[in-house]
Amino acid sequence: MKKELAKIADVLLEAGAMLMESGANTGRIRVTVNRIVHSLGYQVELLITHRALMVSVIDDKGKFYSSKLKRTQPHGVNFKVLSGISRMSWRVQDEDWDLDQIKQELARLKSLPHYPRWQVLLLVSLSGAAFCRLFGGGWVEMLVAFIATFAGLFVRQEAIKKNFNSYISVFLASTVASLFSGLAVKLGIGAHPELAFATSVLFLVPGVPLINSFTDLIDGNISIGIVRGTNGLLVAFSIALGLLAAMVVFKI
């Protein structure tokens, strides 16, 4: 019995860690893990922190249990994994999946390829140009925002590949993007180059951490909500430092 409970605990930790690392809020992790384990006929106690998960799986009679801890990797955003695990949890409930089927599905979701790097660079840069247009920029300003966003994102990707601190990566990306768009302000390129300067760093705004922080606080998960909010504020501070660096260089 204890071996079976330990296997279930491993699967639940894997699912919970994948959700956490893909940008899920605490409530979603808790609901999904509970749905899976209840469908298997067991009970679970779940402790969620910003960098670790702990589960205690208990049999239906409350006689045996297994507790395990797993440290999570740095968080990102992966909607394919989020939606995939959510669909899987409903299939576990509706189709009576066994443990092996859950393991296979988690392994499949974990092996899904990310979007190609060139595609991410292109689309994020287009979003930067679109933000510039939304704020009233013309075609010249949109082009400047596109180039600045492309350069900043490229630098951030390279910094992450070289295992730089996440806040340093954001600072470097913000600085590079601001230098490109700040040069346009300095040279007077376009009718309103300041719009490109202001929107060239919007791709770095930590929307998911801040939203998760708010939902966690509303749901009563105070400690992890504060941690996520602090993380989002530190990222915003890193963005501001990058903008400040460019403003000092070009004296704008």
Protein backbone atom coordinates (compact mmCIF):
# COMPACT_ATOMS: atom_id res chain seq x y z
CA MET A 1 0.00 0.00 0.00
CA LYS A 2 2.75 2.45 0.93
CA LYS A 3 4.53 1.80 -2.39
CA GLU A 4 1.32 2.56 -4.26
CA LEU A 5 0.82 5.77 -2.28
CA ALA A 6 4.44 6.78 -2.97
CA LYS A 7 3.89 6.31 -6.72
CA ILE A 8 0.76 8.44 -6.60
CA ALA A 9 2.61 11.12 -4.64
CA ASP A 10 5.33 11.20 -7.32
CA VAL A 11 2.73 11.66 -10.08
CA LEU A 12 0.92 14.41 -8.17
CA LEU A 13 4.18 16.24 -7.51
CA GLU A 14 5.09 16.01 -11.19
CA ALA A 15 1.71 17.39 -12.27
CA GLY A 16 1.77 20.14 -9.64
CA ALA A 17 5.35 21.16 -10.47
CA MET A 18 4.56 21.31 -14.20
CA LEU A 19 1.58 23.55 -13.47
CA MET A 20 3.62 25.81 -11.19
CA GLU A 21 6.49 26.08 -13.68
CA SER A 22 4.03 26.86 -16.50
CA GLY A 23 2.38 29.83 -14.77
CA ALA A 24 -0.63 28.37 -12.92
CA ASN A 25 -1.94 30.11 -9.82
CA THR A 26 -2.16 28.30 -6.49
CA GLY A 27 -5.91 27.71 -6.68
CA ARG A 28 -5.66 26.03 -10.07
CA ILE A 29 -2.86 23.75 -8.88
CA ARG A 30 -4.82 22.74 -5.81
CA VAL A 31 -8.05 22.06 -7.72
CA THR A 32 -6.32 20.05 -10.46
CA VAL A 33 -4.27 17.91 -8.05
CA ASN A 34 -7.34 17.22 -5.90
CA ARG A 35 -9.38 16.23 -8.96
CA ILE A 36 -6.74 13.70 -10.01
CA VAL A 37 -6.20 12.13 -6.60
CA HIS A 38 -9.91 11.94 -5.73
CA SER A 39 -10.57 10.19 -9.04
CA LEU A 40 -7.98 7.58 -8.02
CA GLY A 41 -9.80 7.02 -4.72
CA TYR A 42 -7.39 8.70 -2.30
CA GLN A 43 -7.13 11.86 -0.23
CA VAL A 44 -4.34 14.44 -0.37
CA GLU A 45 -2.91 17.25 1.72
CA LEU A 46 -1.03 19.75 -0.41
CA LEU A 47 1.46 22.44 0.63
CA ILE A 48 2.39 24.94 -2.09
CA THR A 49 5.21 27.45 -1.83
CA HIS A 50 6.81 29.56 -4.52
CA ARG A 51 9.72 27.15 -5.09
CA ALA A 52 8.51 23.81 -3.72
CA LEU A 53 5.51 21.48 -3.44
CA MET A 54 4.76 18.93 -0.73
CA VAL A 55 2.02 16.29 -0.89
CA SER A 56 0.76 13.74 1.60
CA VAL A 57 -1.36 11.03 -0.05
CA ILE A 58 -3.71 9.21 2.33
CA ASP A 59 -5.68 6.02 1.68
CA ASP A 60 -9.47 6.03 1.95
CA LYS A 61 -9.41 4.55 5.48
CA GLY A 62 -6.81 6.98 6.77
CA LYS A 63 -4.44 4.22 7.91
CA PHE A 64 -1.56 4.72 5.49
CA TYR A 65 0.03 7.79 3.97
CA SER A 66 3.05 8.86 1.94
CA SER A 67 4.60 12.34 2.05
CA LYS A 68 7.00 13.72 -0.56
CA LEU A 69 8.58 17.07 -1.45
CA LYS A 70 9.63 18.42 -4.84
CA ARG A 71 11.50 21.62 -5.65
CA THR A 72 10.19 23.46 -8.70
CA GLN A 73 12.24 25.00 -11.49
CA PRO A 74 12.18 28.73 -12.34
CA HIS A 75 8.70 29.72 -13.47
CA GLY A 76 7.67 30.64 -16.99
CA VAL A 77 4.46 30.58 -19.03
CA ASN A 78 3.40 27.56 -21.08
CA PHE A 79 -0.29 27.50 -21.92
CA LYS A 80 0.00 24.20 -23.78
CA VAL A 81 1.03 22.46 -20.57
CA LEU A 82 -1.60 24.28 -18.48
CA SER A 83 -4.48 23.36 -20.78
CA GLY A 84 -3.09 19.85 -21.35
CA ILE A 85 -2.93 18.97 -17.63
CA SER A 86 -6.36 20.50 -17.05
CA ARG A 87 -7.88 18.35 -19.83
CA MET A 88 -6.02 15.32 -18.50
CA SER A 89 -7.45 15.80 -14.99
CA TRP A 90 -11.00 15.78 -16.39
CA ARG A 91 -10.28 12.64 -18.41
CA VAL A 92 -8.88 10.96 -15.29
CA GLN A 93 -12.20 11.72 -13.60
CA ASP A 94 -14.55 10.92 -16.49
CA GLU A 95 -12.73 7.97 -18.06
CA ASP A 96 -11.24 6.34 -14.95
CA TRP A 97 -7.62 6.57 -16.03
CA ASP A 98 -5.09 4.52 -14.11
CA LEU A 99 -1.71 5.70 -12.84
CA ASP A 100 0.21 4.51 -15.91
CA GLN A 101 -2.03 6.48 -18.27
CA ILE A 102 -1.49 9.62 -16.19
CA LYS A 103 2.28 9.11 -16.24
CA GLN A 104 2.28 8.66 -20.01
CA GLU A 105 0.22 11.80 -20.56
CA LEU A 106 2.46 13.87 -18.26
CA ALA A 107 5.53 12.59 -20.11
CA ARG A 108 3.92 13.51 -23.44
CA LEU A 109 3.06 17.01 -22.25
CA LYS A 110 6.56 17.48 -20.85
CA SER A 111 8.11 16.52 -24.19
CA LEU A 112 6.03 18.97 -26.25
CA PRO A 113 8.36 21.28 -28.18
CA HIS A 114 8.41 25.01 -27.54
CA TYR A 115 7.69 27.48 -30.30
CA PRO A 116 10.68 28.08 -32.61
CA ARG A 117 12.91 30.90 -31.47
CA TRP A 118 12.52 32.89 -34.68
CA GLN A 119 8.74 32.68 -34.35
CA VAL A 120 8.82 34.00 -30.79
CA LEU A 121 11.17 36.83 -31.76
CA LEU A 122 9.01 37.81 -34.74
CA LEU A 123 5.64 37.70 -33.01
CA VAL A 124 6.75 39.41 -29.80
CA SER A 125 8.39 42.15 -31.87
CA LEU A 126 5.16 42.57 -33.84
CA SER A 127 3.29 42.90 -30.56
CA GLY A 128 5.71 45.67 -29.55
CA ALA A 129 4.98 47.47 -32.81
CA ALA A 130 1.25 46.95 -32.25
CA PHE A 131 1.47 48.48 -28.77
CA CYS A 132 3.22 51.48 -30.31
CA ARG A 133 0.41 51.82 -32.84
CA LEU A 134 -2.17 51.50 -30.07
CA PHE A 135 -0.60 54.46 -28.27
CA GLY A 136 -0.73 56.57 -31.43
CA GLY A 137 2.60 55.85 -33.11
CA GLY A 138 3.03 55.96 -36.89
CA TRP A 139 4.77 53.49 -39.18
CA VAL A 140 8.22 54.87 -38.42
CA GLU A 141 7.68 54.62 -34.67
CA MET A 142 6.27 51.10 -35.12
CA LEU A 143 9.41 50.07 -37.01
CA VAL A 144 11.61 51.48 -34.24
CA ALA A 145 9.56 49.64 -31.60
CA PHE A 146 9.80 46.42 -33.63
CA ILE A 147 13.60 46.62 -33.92
CA ALA A 148 14.04 47.61 -30.26
CA THR A 149 11.78 44.81 -29.04
CA PHE A 150 13.54 42.28 -31.26
CA ALA A 151 16.96 43.30 -29.95
CA GLY A 152 15.84 43.32 -26.32
CA LEU A 153 14.18 39.91 -26.52
CA PHE A 154 17.20 38.43 -28.31
CA VAL A 155 19.47 39.65 -25.51
CA ARG A 156 17.15 38.26 -22.85
CA GLN A 157 17.06 34.85 -24.55
CA GLU A 158 20.85 34.79 -24.75
CA ALA A 159 21.18 35.81 -21.09
CA ILE A 160 18.80 33.04 -20.02
CA LYS A 161 20.75 30.50 -22.10
CA LYS A 162 23.91 31.52 -20.24
CA ASN A 163 22.12 31.10 -16.86
CA PHE A 164 22.13 34.76 -15.91
CA ASN A 165 20.05 35.84 -12.92
CA SER A 166 16.47 36.42 -14.10
CA TYR A 167 16.43 40.04 -12.92
CA ILE A 168 19.77 40.75 -14.58
CA SER A 169 18.38 39.23 -17.79
CA VAL A 170 15.40 41.59 -17.65
CA PHE A 171 17.65 44.57 -16.91
CA LEU A 172 19.92 43.77 -19.89
CA ALA A 173 16.93 43.29 -22.20
CA SER A 174 15.34 46.54 -21.03
CA THR A 175 18.61 48.42 -21.46
CA VAL A 176 19.21 47.15 -24.99
CA ALA A 177 15.62 47.79 -26.10
CA SER A 178 15.72 51.28 -24.56
CA LEU A 179 19.06 52.08 -26.21
CA PHE A 180 17.66 51.26 -29.66
CA SER A 181 14.47 53.24 -29.16
CA GLY A 182 16.29 55.99 -27.23
CA LEU A 183 18.60 56.49 -30.21
CA ALA A 184 15.51 57.27 -32.30
CA VAL A 185 14.46 59.86 -29.71
CA LYS A 186 17.95 61.38 -29.70
CA LEU A 187 18.07 61.60 -33.52
CA GLY A 188 14.44 62.70 -33.84
CA ILE A 189 13.42 59.75 -36.01
CA GLY A 190 9.67 59.86 -36.59
CA ALA A 191 7.03 62.32 -35.47
CA HIS A 192 6.70 60.90 -31.95
CA PRO A 193 9.75 58.71 -31.21
CA GLU A 194 9.01 58.84 -27.48
CA LEU A 195 6.10 56.47 -28.13
CA ALA A 196 8.50 53.83 -29.44
CA PHE A 197 10.73 54.45 -26.42
CA ALA A 198 7.84 53.91 -24.00
CA THR A 199 6.47 50.77 -25.69
CA SER A 200 9.72 49.01 -26.58
CA VAL A 201 9.98 47.40 -23.12
CA LEU A 202 6.35 46.35 -22.68
CA PHE A 203 7.19 42.77 -23.68
CA LEU A 204 9.04 42.47 -20.35
CA VAL A 205 6.07 43.45 -18.15
CA PRO A 206 5.42 40.52 -15.74
CA GLY A 207 1.70 40.19 -16.40
CA VAL A 208 1.27 36.54 -15.35
CA PRO A 209 3.14 36.82 -12.00
CA LEU A 210 1.19 39.95 -11.06
CA ILE A 211 -2.17 38.42 -12.02
CA ASN A 212 -1.32 35.22 -10.11
CA SER A 213 -0.27 37.32 -7.13
CA PHE A 214 -3.62 39.10 -7.10
CA THR A 215 -5.67 35.88 -7.46
CA ASP A 216 -3.62 34.15 -4.75
CA LEU A 217 -4.21 37.04 -2.34
CA ILE A 218 -7.92 37.02 -3.12
CA ASP A 219 -8.07 33.24 -2.56
CA GLY A 220 -6.36 33.56 0.81
CA ASN A 221 -2.95 32.21 -0.24
CA ILE A 222 -1.30 35.21 1.37
CA SER A 223 2.34 34.09 1.62
CA ILE A 224 2.75 32.86 -1.96
CA GLY A 225 0.73 35.84 -3.21
CA ILE A 226 3.15 38.24 -1.51
CA VAL A 227 6.15 36.35 -2.91
CA ARG A 228 4.75 36.43 -6.44
CA GLY A 229 3.86 40.10 -6.12
CA THR A 230 7.35 40.92 -4.87
CA ASN A 231 8.84 38.99 -7.78
CA GLY A 232 6.70 40.97 -10.21
CA LEU A 233 7.73 44.26 -8.61
CA LEU A 234 11.42 43.32 -8.83
CA VAL A 235 11.00 42.57 -12.52
CA ALA A 236 9.28 45.95 -12.99
CA PHE A 237 12.14 47.62 -11.09
CA SER A 238 14.66 45.92 -13.42
CA ILE A 239 12.74 47.26 -16.42
CA ALA A 240 12.80 50.77 -14.93
CA LEU A 241 16.56 50.54 -14.34
CA GLY A 242 17.08 49.64 -18.00
CA LEU A 243 15.00 52.62 -19.11
CA LEU A 244 16.94 54.86 -16.72
CA ALA A 245 20.25 53.64 -18.12
CA ALA A 246 19.21 54.58 -21.66
CA MET A 247 17.91 57.97 -20.52
CA VAL A 248 21.25 58.69 -18.81
CA VAL A 249 23.23 57.64 -21.91
CA PHE A 250 21.20 59.81 -24.30
CA LYS A 251 20.33 62.51 -21.72
CA ILE A 252 16.64 62.36 -22.49
